[in-house]
């Protein structure tokens, strides 16, 4: 049975019982009132009339006319108030006796007869009063019985509702609440078992269907994907680096709190909007998406952004996201993730390091130069003759001094590059002169290892727009490294040729080559290939990169392990 039907039946039955109780009570009161009114109206009035007639009968002797009148009036009232069986005949006989008494007022026998008739009427009404009192009492007892029965019925119905109704409503809700808590704890196997065909049964059926679908969803890959998506979003939002995700149309898919801080916008104002639209009102977003049009040199420069209450430096990394659909060979571009790494601390340390290196390099050059001058004086015959051992010591000190001077020079050059104090004398330069100068500079080193230096150049090459001194330094550095890492009696080739609108300078050696995992790092500062037991600072290639890029050129390396290396740079022709 439905809960609503139970409630309607229970409350309705109680309502009907209360109405019946009210009706029975009202009807019982009505009956008692009616019986009481019968006693008061009929019998009591008859007794009053009879008493008045007896009194007036006694007064006939003293006040005859008045007594006769009172008797006659009360007799008329009695005639109109006959209610009991036999009362009419006695009243009729009383009328006859009264008429005889009017003609013979001193007849005591008639008076006695009249008295007997009045007493008979009074007796008859007294008996009626007693009978009606018994009837009224029985009516009251019956009314009490019916009221008690109806009241008991109402109590039983109300008690039944009080005992059963709360349990019928609360117990299923309690069981349902416990099951909901289990579902909230990811126990999707939980079920509710209500066998009744009522609202709770329908609710249990719907709940079990929901739990089943949740269980299926929990076991499905969709749930795992949703969970992984949520976890990924949480990880991204907790990262300290600003991160912005774009789809293939340039619409913002996600942005973490750090990114919102530096762009000064709210999440709801960014997510789902086109980056090009946001760029119209936000300079930072404009610079991020405009970076694709910048040169490689500009792309590597840190971005200066006001963050954390100060000017901070960020390094942008744009990761292109592609997928390969199942069963297809081609990949699909699905978007980009822009990561801004806060390098402010490293930049500050780098500034301090650059200033320190510049100061130390500058201070070291003077004593090293003094050492070299002293060595030259020692080698001069005017200072005195030196033996073979002294000569070896002087040569060793000279080599170490030269190496120290080279290192301090490189450090000083690097510090000038990093601080922007380097001065380039860019002019028309002959590429052949640059190559010849560099080759002549390393010719002695090559001969010491019996390495053959060969120059292969195209004829009639145009001049290049470059600082010939710095460019020669770069080419000398390439050749020095090639000689250092090449085996004896090997060959090094210098290529000079035109590539598009640029002149290419290439140094090709047959050394052991560079592992591909290190190719992208060889131009980093202080980097040295692991396992190469060669002396050096790891600054030469970094300085070379700065020199070439400062002249709007490009620099790079092609190498395979065991097949040698090709270091190159390209400069714009005039």
Protein backbone atom coordinates (compact mmCIF):
# COMPACT_ATOMS: atom_id res chain seq x y z
CA UNK A 1 0.00 0.00 0.00
CA UNK A 2 1.26 3.49 -0.83
CA UNK A 3 2.49 5.70 2.01
CA UNK A 4 0.11 8.43 0.90
CA UNK A 5 -2.80 5.96 1.01
CA UNK A 6 -1.76 4.79 4.48
CA UNK A 7 -1.58 8.34 5.71
CA UNK A 8 -4.93 9.20 4.14
CA UNK A 9 -6.57 6.10 5.61
CA UNK A 10 -5.04 6.51 9.07
CA UNK A 11 -5.66 10.23 9.40
CA UNK A 12 -9.03 9.95 7.63
CA UNK A 13 -10.16 7.13 9.91
CA UNK A 14 -9.08 9.12 12.95
CA UNK A 15 -10.90 12.15 11.59
CA UNK A 16 -14.09 10.10 10.99
CA UNK A 17 -13.81 8.59 14.48
CA UNK A 18 -13.49 12.05 16.00
CA UNK A 19 -16.53 13.21 14.02
CA UNK A 20 -18.49 10.14 15.18
CA UNK A 21 -17.41 10.80 18.75
CA UNK A 22 -18.56 14.40 18.42
CA UNK A 23 -21.88 13.36 16.88
CA UNK A 24 -22.51 10.68 19.52
CA UNK A 25 -21.67 13.13 22.28
CA UNK A 26 -23.91 15.81 20.79
CA UNK A 27 -26.77 13.34 20.23
CA UNK A 28 -26.47 11.96 23.78
CA UNK A 29 -26.52 15.45 25.21
CA UNK A 30 -29.56 16.18 23.04
CA UNK A 31 -31.42 13.10 24.33
CA UNK A 32 -30.62 13.90 27.96
CA UNK A 33 -31.72 17.47 27.40
CA UNK A 34 -34.93 16.28 25.76
CA UNK A 35 -35.78 13.93 28.63
CA UNK A 36 -35.03 16.64 31.15
CA UNK A 37 -37.17 19.12 29.27
CA UNK A 38 -40.04 16.55 29.23
CA UNK A 39 -39.83 16.26 32.97
CA UNK A 40 -39.72 20.01 33.52
CA UNK A 41 -42.33 20.99 30.99
CA UNK A 42 -44.96 18.31 31.41
CA UNK A 43 -44.82 16.59 34.77
CA UNK A 44 -43.43 19.41 36.87
CA UNK A 45 -46.01 21.87 35.52
CA UNK A 46 -48.81 19.34 36.21
CA UNK A 47 -47.61 19.02 39.82
CA UNK A 48 -47.59 22.82 40.10
CA UNK A 49 -51.15 23.01 38.75
CA UNK A 50 -52.27 20.24 41.11
CA UNK A 51 -50.72 22.02 44.12
CA UNK A 52 -52.46 25.27 43.18
CA UNK A 53 -55.79 23.46 42.83
CA UNK A 54 -55.42 21.83 46.26
CA UNK A 55 -54.60 25.20 47.86
CA UNK A 56 -57.51 26.95 46.17
CA UNK A 57 -59.80 24.09 47.23
CA UNK A 58 -58.85 24.76 50.85
CA UNK A 59 -59.56 28.50 50.39
CA UNK A 60 -63.13 28.04 49.10
CA UNK A 61 -64.56 28.44 52.56
CA UNK A 62 -62.82 31.78 53.20
CA UNK A 63 -62.63 33.31 49.75
CA UNK A 64 -65.03 31.40 47.61
CA UNK A 65 -65.04 33.31 44.32
CA UNK A 66 -61.29 33.83 44.17
CA UNK A 67 -60.57 30.21 45.05
CA UNK A 68 -63.02 28.98 42.40
CA UNK A 69 -61.35 31.21 39.81
CA UNK A 70 -57.82 29.99 40.71
CA UNK A 71 -58.97 26.37 40.66
CA UNK A 72 -60.71 26.85 37.33
CA UNK A 73 -57.61 28.51 35.75
CA UNK A 74 -55.25 25.74 36.95
CA UNK A 75 -57.73 23.08 35.81
CA UNK A 76 -57.73 24.58 32.32
CA UNK A 77 -53.95 24.56 32.30
CA UNK A 78 -53.96 20.94 33.40
CA UNK A 79 -56.35 20.04 30.60
CA UNK A 80 -53.81 21.55 28.16
CA UNK A 81 -50.87 19.70 29.77
CA UNK A 82 -52.03 16.07 29.68
CA UNK A 83 -48.96 13.93 28.84
CA UNK A 84 -49.33 10.58 30.63
CA UNK A 85 -51.52 7.58 30.02
CA UNK A 86 -54.73 7.71 32.15
CA UNK A 87 -54.11 11.33 32.98
CA UNK A 88 -56.86 12.45 30.59
CA UNK A 89 -59.61 10.30 32.15
CA UNK A 90 -58.70 11.46 35.65
CA UNK A 91 -58.62 15.07 34.47
CA UNK A 92 -62.05 14.63 32.81
CA UNK A 93 -63.46 13.17 36.01
CA UNK A 94 -61.93 16.10 37.90
CA UNK A 95 -63.72 18.53 35.56
CA UNK A 96 -67.05 16.84 36.24
CA UNK A 97 -66.50 16.92 39.97
CA UNK A 98 -65.51 20.63 39.78
CA UNK A 99 -68.71 21.47 37.91
CA UNK A 100 -70.77 19.74 40.57
CA UNK A 101 -68.78 21.61 43.25
CA UNK A 102 -69.57 24.93 41.60
CA UNK A 103 -73.27 24.20 42.15
CA UNK A 104 -72.77 22.77 45.62
CA UNK A 105 -69.78 24.50 47.15
CA UNK A 106 -70.27 23.14 50.63
CA UNK A 107 -70.38 19.50 49.60
CA UNK A 108 -67.41 17.91 51.41
CA UNK A 109 -67.81 14.62 49.58
CA UNK A 110 -67.20 16.38 46.25
CA UNK A 111 -64.22 18.14 47.73
CA UNK A 112 -62.79 14.85 48.88
CA UNK A 113 -63.41 13.34 45.47
CA UNK A 114 -61.68 16.31 43.86
CA UNK A 115 -58.78 15.91 46.27
CA UNK A 116 -58.49 12.24 45.38
CA UNK A 117 -58.52 13.05 41.65
CA UNK A 118 -55.83 15.73 42.09
CA UNK A 119 -53.74 13.35 44.19
CA UNK A 120 -54.22 10.70 41.54
CA UNK A 121 -52.98 13.11 38.87
CA UNK A 122 -50.02 14.05 41.07
CA UNK A 123 -49.26 10.41 41.75
CA UNK A 124 -49.46 9.63 38.06
CA UNK A 125 -47.00 12.47 37.21
CA UNK A 126 -44.66 11.57 40.07
CA UNK A 127 -44.50 8.05 38.74
CA UNK A 128 -43.89 9.51 35.27
CA UNK A 129 -41.13 11.71 36.65
CA UNK A 130 -39.54 8.67 38.26
CA UNK A 131 -39.86 6.71 35.03
CA UNK A 132 -38.50 9.51 32.91
CA UNK A 133 -35.63 9.97 35.34
CA UNK A 134 -34.81 6.31 34.88
CA UNK A 135 -35.02 6.76 31.10
CA UNK A 136 -32.74 9.82 31.28
CA UNK A 137 -30.28 7.89 33.43
CA UNK A 138 -30.30 5.01 30.99
CA UNK A 139 -29.84 7.50 28.14
CA UNK A 140 -26.87 9.01 29.97
CA UNK A 141 -25.41 5.56 30.61
CA UNK A 142 -25.86 4.65 26.94
CA UNK A 143 -24.33 7.96 25.89
CA UNK A 144 -21.36 7.35 28.20
CA UNK A 145 -20.95 3.89 26.73
CA UNK A 146 -20.99 5.14 23.15
CA UNK A 147 -18.69 8.02 23.98
CA UNK A 148 -16.32 5.62 25.74
CA UNK A 149 -16.41 3.19 22.78
CA UNK A 150 -15.90 5.95 20.24
CA UNK A 151 -13.20 7.57 22.38
CA UNK A 152 -11.45 4.20 22.78
CA UNK A 153 -11.62 3.68 19.03
CA UNK A 154 -10.10 7.13 18.46
CA UNK A 155 -7.39 6.37 21.03
CA UNK A 156 -6.57 3.05 19.39
CA UNK A 157 -6.36 4.67 15.96
CA UNK A 158 -4.22 7.55 17.28
CA UNK A 159 -2.00 5.16 19.27
CA UNK A 160 -1.56 2.95 16.22
CA UNK A 161 -0.57 5.99 14.15
CA UNK A 162 1.77 7.19 16.92
CA UNK A 163 3.52 3.82 17.16
CA UNK A 164 3.62 2.71 13.52
CA UNK A 165 3.59 5.88 11.42
CA UNK A 166 6.95 7.35 12.61
CA UNK A 167 8.68 3.99 12.16
CA UNK A 168 7.11 3.45 8.75
CA UNK A 169 8.42 6.86 7.66
CA UNK A 170 11.68 7.17 9.63
CA UNK A 171 13.12 3.64 9.24
CA UNK A 172 13.25 3.68 5.42
CA UNK A 173 14.69 7.21 5.51
CA UNK A 174 17.32 6.04 8.01
CA UNK A 175 18.24 3.09 5.82
CA UNK A 176 18.31 5.31 2.74
CA UNK A 177 20.57 7.81 4.56
CA UNK A 178 23.00 5.06 5.49
CA UNK A 179 23.07 3.87 1.88
CA UNK A 180 23.67 7.42 0.62
CA UNK A 181 26.65 7.70 2.98
CA UNK A 182 28.03 4.46 1.55
CA UNK A 183 27.63 5.83 -1.97
CA UNK A 184 29.37 9.04 -0.87
CA UNK A 185 32.26 6.85 0.33
CA UNK A 186 32.44 5.39 -3.20
CA UNK A 187 30.90 2.05 -2.20
CA UNK A 188 28.81 1.88 -5.36
CA UNK A 189 27.80 -1.74 -4.66
CA UNK A 190 25.46 -0.57 -1.89
CA UNK A 191 21.75 -1.25 -2.53
CA UNK A 192 18.51 -0.41 -0.73
CA UNK A 193 16.05 -3.26 -0.20
CA UNK A 194 12.48 -1.94 0.23
CA UNK A 195 10.05 -4.68 -0.82
CA UNK A 196 6.90 -2.61 -0.27
CA UNK A 197 5.03 -1.35 -3.31
CA UNK A 198 4.91 2.25 -2.11
CA UNK A 199 6.77 5.50 -2.55
CA UNK A 200 9.75 4.08 -0.68
CA UNK A 201 9.77 1.13 -3.03
CA UNK A 202 9.87 3.51 -6.00
CA UNK A 203 12.60 5.53 -4.26
CA UNK A 204 14.60 2.38 -3.56
CA UNK A 205 14.26 1.30 -7.18
CA UNK A 206 15.46 4.71 -8.43
CA UNK A 207 18.29 4.74 -5.87
CA UNK A 208 19.44 1.26 -6.86
CA UNK A 209 19.35 2.25 -10.53
CA UNK A 210 21.47 5.30 -9.72
CA UNK A 211 23.92 3.19 -7.68
CA UNK A 212 24.18 0.69 -10.52
CA UNK A 213 24.92 3.45 -13.03
CA UNK A 214 27.49 4.95 -10.65
CA UNK A 215 29.09 1.53 -10.28
CA UNK A 216 29.21 1.15 -14.06
CA UNK A 217 30.58 4.69 -14.39
CA UNK A 218 33.18 4.02 -11.69
CA UNK A 219 34.31 0.90 -13.54
CA UNK A 220 34.36 2.67 -16.90
CA UNK A 221 37.26 4.49 -18.53
CA UNK A 222 35.19 7.68 -18.48
CA UNK A 223 35.40 7.75 -14.70
CA UNK A 224 39.14 7.17 -14.84
CA UNK A 225 39.51 9.92 -17.42
CA UNK A 226 37.44 12.28 -15.31
CA UNK A 227 39.47 11.41 -12.23
CA UNK A 228 42.75 11.86 -14.07
CA UNK A 229 41.51 15.16 -15.51
CA UNK A 230 40.61 16.36 -12.02
CA UNK A 231 43.96 15.25 -10.65
CA UNK A 232 45.81 16.92 -13.53
CA UNK A 233 43.90 20.16 -12.96
CA UNK A 234 44.79 20.00 -9.25
CA UNK A 235 48.46 19.39 -10.02
CA UNK A 236 48.56 22.23 -12.53
CA UNK A 237 46.82 24.60 -10.13
CA UNK A 238 49.29 23.75 -7.36
CA UNK A 239 52.35 24.35 -9.50
CA UNK A 240 54.36 27.47 -8.70
CA UNK A 241 54.97 28.27 -12.37
CA UNK A 242 52.27 30.12 -14.34
CA UNK A 243 50.65 27.73 -16.85
CA UNK A 244 48.14 28.50 -19.61
CA UNK A 245 46.56 25.84 -21.85
CA UNK A 246 45.19 26.64 -25.32
CA UNK A 247 43.32 24.48 -27.80
CA UNK A 248 44.16 24.34 -31.51
CA UNK A 249 41.90 27.36 -32.14
CA UNK A 250 43.70 29.46 -29.53
CA UNK A 251 40.91 29.24 -26.96
CA UNK A 252 42.00 29.15 -23.31
CA UNK A 253 41.23 25.72 -21.81
CA UNK A 254 42.80 26.15 -18.39
CA UNK A 255 44.88 28.63 -16.43
CA UNK A 256 46.30 28.13 -12.95
CA UNK A 257 46.27 30.58 -10.04
CA UNK A 258 49.87 31.70 -10.59
CA UNK A 259 49.09 32.67 -14.18
CA UNK A 260 45.96 34.55 -13.06
CA UNK A 261 48.07 36.53 -10.59
CA UNK A 262 50.53 37.81 -13.18
CA UNK A 263 47.94 38.56 -15.88
CA UNK A 264 45.65 40.25 -13.33
CA UNK A 265 42.42 38.60 -14.41
CA UNK A 266 39.81 36.24 -12.96
CA UNK A 267 39.35 32.65 -14.06
CA UNK A 268 35.83 33.20 -15.40
CA UNK A 269 37.11 36.09 -17.53
CA UNK A 270 39.82 33.95 -19.16
CA UNK A 271 38.70 30.34 -19.55
CA UNK A 272 36.79 29.68 -22.76
CA UNK A 273 37.90 32.97 -24.35
CA UNK A 274 40.09 33.32 -27.42
CA UNK A 275 43.64 34.37 -26.57
CA UNK A 276 43.59 36.84 -29.47
CA UNK A 277 40.51 38.51 -27.95
CA UNK A 278 42.13 38.70 -24.51
CA UNK A 279 45.30 40.10 -26.08
CA UNK A 280 43.37 43.20 -27.13
CA UNK A 281 43.05 44.29 -23.49
CA UNK A 282 45.95 42.45 -21.82
CA UNK A 283 49.53 43.27 -22.83
CA UNK A 284 51.04 40.18 -21.18
CA UNK A 285 48.81 37.77 -23.09
CA UNK A 286 49.56 39.78 -26.21
CA UNK A 287 53.29 39.31 -25.68
CA UNK A 288 52.85 35.59 -25.04
CA UNK A 289 50.95 34.85 -28.26
CA UNK A 290 52.98 37.36 -30.30
CA UNK A 291 56.14 35.49 -29.34
CA UNK A 292 55.54 33.02 -32.17
CA UNK A 293 56.40 35.78 -34.64
CA UNK A 294 59.62 36.72 -32.86
CA UNK A 295 63.11 35.68 -33.89
CA UNK A 296 64.89 32.80 -32.21
CA UNK A 297 67.08 35.31 -30.36
CA UNK A 298 64.04 37.13 -28.99
CA UNK A 299 62.33 33.89 -28.03
CA UNK A 300 65.24 32.91 -25.77
CA UNK A 301 65.29 36.22 -23.92
CA UNK A 302 63.63 36.15 -20.46
CA UNK A 303 60.36 38.04 -20.07
CA UNK A 304 60.36 40.82 -17.50
CA UNK A 305 57.03 40.77 -15.62
CA UNK A 306 55.93 42.58 -12.45
CA UNK A 307 55.05 39.76 -10.03
CA UNK A 308 55.18 39.16 -6.26
CA UNK A 309 55.53 42.89 -5.70
CA UNK A 310 58.71 43.24 -7.75
CA UNK A 311 60.12 43.00 -11.25
CA UNK A 312 60.56 39.31 -12.00
CA UNK A 313 62.08 37.36 -14.86
CA UNK A 314 60.21 34.52 -16.54
CA UNK A 315 61.37 32.07 -19.15
CA UNK A 316 58.64 31.06 -21.56
CA UNK A 317 58.32 27.46 -22.69
CA UNK A 318 55.66 26.67 -25.26
CA UNK A 319 54.85 22.97 -25.59
CA UNK A 320 52.90 21.89 -28.65
CA UNK A 321 50.51 19.04 -27.85
CA UNK A 322 49.81 16.50 -30.59
CA UNK A 323 48.04 13.16 -30.63
CA UNK A 324 47.97 10.26 -33.05
CA UNK A 325 44.44 8.92 -33.50
CA UNK A 326 44.04 5.18 -33.25
CA UNK A 327 44.59 3.49 -36.56
CA UNK A 328 46.06 6.57 -38.24
CA UNK A 329 49.64 7.44 -39.12
CA UNK A 330 49.34 11.20 -39.02
CA UNK A 331 49.38 13.30 -35.84
CA UNK A 332 46.84 15.99 -34.99
CA UNK A 333 47.66 19.29 -33.32
CA UNK A 334 45.27 19.69 -30.36
CA UNK A 335 46.74 22.76 -28.69
CA UNK A 336 49.60 24.33 -26.80
CA UNK A 337 50.65 24.68 -23.18
CA UNK A 338 52.50 27.85 -22.21
CA UNK A 339 54.73 27.53 -19.15
CA UNK A 340 56.40 30.56 -17.59
CA UNK A 341 59.29 29.53 -15.35
CA UNK A 342 60.20 32.08 -12.71
CA UNK A 343 63.96 32.51 -13.06
CA UNK A 344 64.22 35.71 -11.03
CA UNK A 345 66.41 34.11 -8.36
CA UNK A 346 68.72 32.61 -10.98
CA UNK A 347 68.82 35.90 -12.86
CA UNK A 348 69.80 37.74 -9.69
CA UNK A 349 72.48 35.14 -9.00
CA UNK A 350 73.63 35.40 -12.61
CA UNK A 351 73.95 39.18 -12.30
CA UNK A 352 76.00 38.76 -9.14
CA UNK A 353 78.12 36.07 -10.78
CA UNK A 354 78.70 38.23 -13.88
CA UNK A 355 79.78 41.19 -11.79
CA UNK A 356 82.05 38.96 -9.75
CA UNK A 357 83.62 37.37 -12.84
CA UNK A 358 84.11 40.76 -14.48
CA UNK A 359 85.82 42.11 -11.38
CA UNK A 360 88.01 39.05 -10.81
CA UNK A 361 88.93 38.76 -14.52
CA UNK A 362 89.89 42.38 -14.69
CA UNK A 363 91.98 42.15 -11.51
CA UNK A 364 93.74 38.96 -12.68
CA UNK A 365 94.80 40.31 -16.06
CA UNK A 366 97.31 42.77 -14.54
CA UNK A 367 99.32 40.21 -12.45
CA UNK A 368 99.22 37.68 -15.31
CA UNK A 369 100.55 40.30 -17.70
CA UNK A 370 103.28 41.08 -15.17
CA UNK A 371 104.17 37.38 -15.00
CA UNK A 372 104.44 37.20 -18.79
CA UNK A 373 106.65 40.30 -18.88
CA UNK A 374 108.88 38.81 -16.18
CA UNK A 375 109.18 35.59 -18.19
CA UNK A 376 110.24 37.58 -21.25
CA UNK A 377 112.94 39.31 -19.15
CA UNK A 378 114.14 35.94 -17.89
CA UNK A 379 114.44 34.63 -21.45
CA UNK A 380 116.51 37.69 -22.45
CA UNK A 381 120.22 36.91 -22.51
CA UNK A 382 121.03 40.24 -20.88
CA UNK A 383 119.54 38.99 -17.61
CA UNK A 384 121.90 36.05 -17.56
CA UNK A 385 122.21 32.55 -18.93
CA UNK A 386 119.69 29.83 -17.96
CA UNK A 387 120.20 26.11 -18.02
CA UNK A 388 117.94 23.47 -19.56
CA UNK A 389 115.89 22.79 -16.43
CA UNK A 390 115.28 26.48 -15.89
CA UNK A 391 114.25 26.78 -19.54
CA UNK A 392 111.66 24.00 -19.04
CA UNK A 393 110.30 25.72 -15.92
CA UNK A 394 110.04 29.04 -17.76
CA UNK A 395 108.22 27.38 -20.69
CA UNK A 396 105.80 25.66 -18.28
CA UNK A 397 105.09 28.94 -16.48
CA UNK A 398 104.63 30.65 -19.85
CA UNK A 399 102.08 28.05 -21.00
CA UNK A 400 100.15 28.26 -17.74
CA UNK A 401 100.21 32.05 -17.87
CA UNK A 402 98.96 32.01 -21.44
CA UNK A 403 96.16 29.62 -20.47
CA UNK A 404 95.21 31.79 -17.49
CA UNK A 405 95.25 34.88 -19.66
CA UNK A 406 92.98 33.15 -22.18
CA UNK A 407 90.57 32.07 -19.43
CA UNK A 408 90.39 35.53 -17.87
CA UNK A 409 89.91 37.01 -21.34
CA UNK A 410 87.01 34.66 -22.04
CA UNK A 411 85.45 35.41 -18.66
CA UNK A 412 85.80 39.12 -19.25
CA UNK A 413 84.30 38.79 -22.73
CA UNK A 414 81.39 36.78 -21.29
CA UNK A 415 80.68 39.29 -18.54
CA UNK A 416 80.69 42.10 -21.11
CA UNK A 417 78.26 40.15 -23.29
CA UNK A 418 75.91 39.43 -20.40
CA UNK A 419 75.87 43.01 -19.19
CA UNK A 420 75.50 44.37 -22.72
CA UNK A 421 78.76 46.28 -22.56
CA UNK A 422 80.38 44.49 -25.52
CA UNK A 423 81.05 46.80 -28.43
CA UNK A 424 80.79 45.28 -31.91
CA UNK A 425 82.41 46.94 -34.90
CA UNK A 426 80.09 45.63 -37.59
CA UNK A 427 81.17 46.55 -41.12
CA UNK A 428 81.75 45.01 -44.54
CA UNK A 429 84.07 42.06 -44.00
CA UNK A 430 85.75 39.75 -46.49
CA UNK A 431 84.84 36.12 -45.61
CA UNK A 432 88.05 34.84 -47.23
CA UNK A 433 90.18 37.08 -44.98
CA UNK A 434 88.32 35.84 -41.88
CA UNK A 435 88.94 32.20 -42.82
CA UNK A 436 92.60 32.74 -43.73
CA UNK A 437 93.28 34.65 -40.51
CA UNK A 438 91.71 31.89 -38.37
CA UNK A 439 93.54 29.10 -40.19
CA UNK A 440 96.90 30.87 -39.81
CA UNK A 441 96.20 31.39 -36.10
CA UNK A 442 95.83 27.63 -35.43
CA UNK A 443 98.30 26.36 -38.00
CA UNK A 444 101.02 25.69 -35.44
CA UNK A 445 98.63 23.73 -33.17
CA UNK A 446 97.53 21.60 -36.13
CA UNK A 447 101.10 20.87 -37.16
CA UNK A 448 101.96 19.73 -33.63
CA UNK A 449 99.35 16.94 -34.01
CA UNK A 450 100.11 16.46 -37.72
CA UNK A 451 96.53 17.45 -38.57
CA UNK A 452 95.85 18.52 -42.15
CA UNK A 453 93.93 21.81 -42.41
CA UNK A 454 92.04 22.26 -45.67
CA UNK A 455 89.95 25.21 -46.84
CA UNK A 456 87.21 24.59 -49.43
CA UNK A 457 85.57 27.84 -50.51
CA UNK A 458 83.27 28.89 -53.29
CA UNK A 459 84.65 31.61 -55.58
CA UNK A 460 83.41 35.20 -55.77
CA UNK A 461 81.57 35.23 -52.48
CA UNK A 462 80.18 38.63 -51.40
CA UNK A 463 81.26 40.44 -48.27
CA UNK A 464 79.45 39.76 -45.01
CA UNK A 465 78.03 42.20 -42.49
CA UNK A 466 80.09 41.34 -39.41
CA UNK A 467 82.72 42.30 -36.87
CA UNK A 468 85.72 40.62 -38.48
CA UNK A 469 87.71 40.42 -35.24
CA UNK A 470 84.91 38.74 -33.22
CA UNK A 471 83.98 36.49 -36.14
CA UNK A 472 87.60 35.39 -36.55
CA UNK A 473 87.67 34.67 -32.81
CA UNK A 474 84.62 32.39 -33.21
CA UNK A 475 86.17 30.53 -36.14
CA UNK A 476 89.46 30.17 -34.26
CA UNK A 477 87.51 28.72 -31.32
CA UNK A 478 85.83 26.19 -33.65
CA UNK A 479 89.22 25.19 -35.14
CA UNK A 480 90.89 24.99 -31.71
CA UNK A 481 88.17 22.66 -30.45
CA UNK A 482 88.38 20.57 -33.61
CA UNK A 483 92.16 20.19 -33.22
CA UNK A 484 91.78 19.41 -29.50
CA UNK A 485 89.27 16.62 -30.00
CA UNK A 486 90.70 15.17 -33.27
CA UNK A 487 93.21 12.37 -33.32
CA UNK A 488 96.71 12.81 -34.69
CA UNK A 489 97.26 12.70 -38.47
CA UNK A 490 93.57 13.41 -39.08
CA UNK A 491 91.98 16.00 -41.31
CA UNK A 492 89.95 19.16 -40.63
CA UNK A 493 88.09 20.92 -43.46
CA UNK A 494 86.89 24.53 -43.43
CA UNK A 495 83.98 25.12 -45.81
CA UNK A 496 83.04 28.60 -47.02
CA UNK A 497 79.94 28.78 -49.18
CA UNK A 498 76.73 30.63 -49.88
CA UNK A 499 73.45 29.35 -48.42
CA UNK A 500 70.40 31.34 -49.51
CA UNK A 501 71.24 34.97 -48.69
CA UNK A 502 73.85 34.08 -46.10
CA UNK A 503 77.50 33.04 -46.08
CA UNK A 504 78.12 29.77 -44.22
CA UNK A 505 81.34 29.11 -42.28
CA UNK A 506 81.72 25.40 -41.45
CA UNK A 507 84.43 23.46 -39.60
CA UNK A 508 84.27 19.71 -40.22
CA UNK A 509 86.37 17.28 -38.19
CA UNK A 510 86.63 13.49 -38.00
CA UNK A 511 86.71 13.24 -34.23
CA UNK A 512 84.57 11.02 -32.02
CA UNK A 513 81.49 13.21 -32.45
CA UNK A 514 78.85 14.32 -29.95
CA UNK A 515 76.04 12.23 -28.50
CA UNK A 516 72.63 13.61 -29.58
CA UNK A 517 71.56 14.13 -25.97
CA UNK A 518 74.33 16.75 -25.57
CA UNK A 519 73.96 18.54 -28.91
CA UNK A 520 71.44 21.06 -27.54
CA UNK A 521 73.70 21.87 -24.56
CA UNK A 522 77.12 22.43 -26.16
CA UNK A 523 76.45 26.18 -26.47
CA UNK A 524 75.41 26.50 -22.80
CA UNK A 525 77.72 28.31 -20.41
CA UNK A 526 80.21 26.14 -18.51
CA UNK A 527 78.96 22.97 -20.20
CA UNK A 528 81.51 20.28 -20.99
CA UNK A 529 80.65 16.93 -22.52
CA UNK A 530 80.88 14.22 -19.84
CA UNK A 531 83.86 11.95 -20.33
CA UNK A 532 85.92 14.47 -22.30
CA UNK A 533 89.08 14.75 -20.22
CA UNK A 534 90.07 18.05 -21.80
CA UNK A 535 90.91 21.29 -20.07
CA UNK A 536 88.83 24.41 -20.60
CA UNK A 537 86.20 26.61 -19.04
CA UNK A 538 83.21 25.60 -21.14
CA UNK A 539 82.73 29.23 -22.14
CA UNK A 540 84.16 29.35 -25.66
CA UNK A 541 81.10 28.07 -27.50
CA UNK A 542 78.76 30.12 -25.28
CA UNK A 543 80.72 33.29 -26.13
CA UNK A 544 80.77 32.29 -29.80
CA UNK A 545 76.99 31.95 -29.78
CA UNK A 546 76.59 35.39 -28.22
CA UNK A 547 78.97 36.96 -30.78
CA UNK A 548 77.23 35.44 -33.80
CA UNK A 549 73.66 36.14 -32.58
CA UNK A 550 74.67 39.72 -31.74
CA UNK A 551 75.48 40.06 -35.47
CA UNK A 552 72.01 38.66 -36.43
CA UNK A 553 73.59 35.39 -37.49
CA UNK A 554 72.81 31.75 -36.68
CA UNK A 555 75.06 29.15 -35.11
CA UNK A 556 74.78 25.40 -34.65
CA UNK A 557 76.30 21.95 -34.78
CA UNK A 558 75.64 18.73 -36.70
CA UNK A 559 77.22 15.64 -35.19
CA UNK A 560 76.88 11.91 -34.83
CA UNK A 561 78.71 9.81 -32.31
CA UNK A 562 81.78 8.22 -33.96
CA UNK A 563 81.41 10.17 -37.24
CA UNK A 564 82.83 13.55 -36.32
CA UNK A 565 81.21 16.98 -35.98
CA UNK A 566 80.40 20.01 -38.11
CA UNK A 567 80.28 23.35 -36.28
CA UNK A 568 78.91 26.21 -38.35
CA UNK A 569 77.64 29.76 -38.32
CA UNK A 570 75.90 31.81 -40.99
CA UNK A 571 76.20 35.56 -41.48
CA UNK A 572 74.15 37.89 -43.65
CA UNK A 573 75.79 39.08 -46.82
CA UNK A 574 76.05 42.79 -47.51
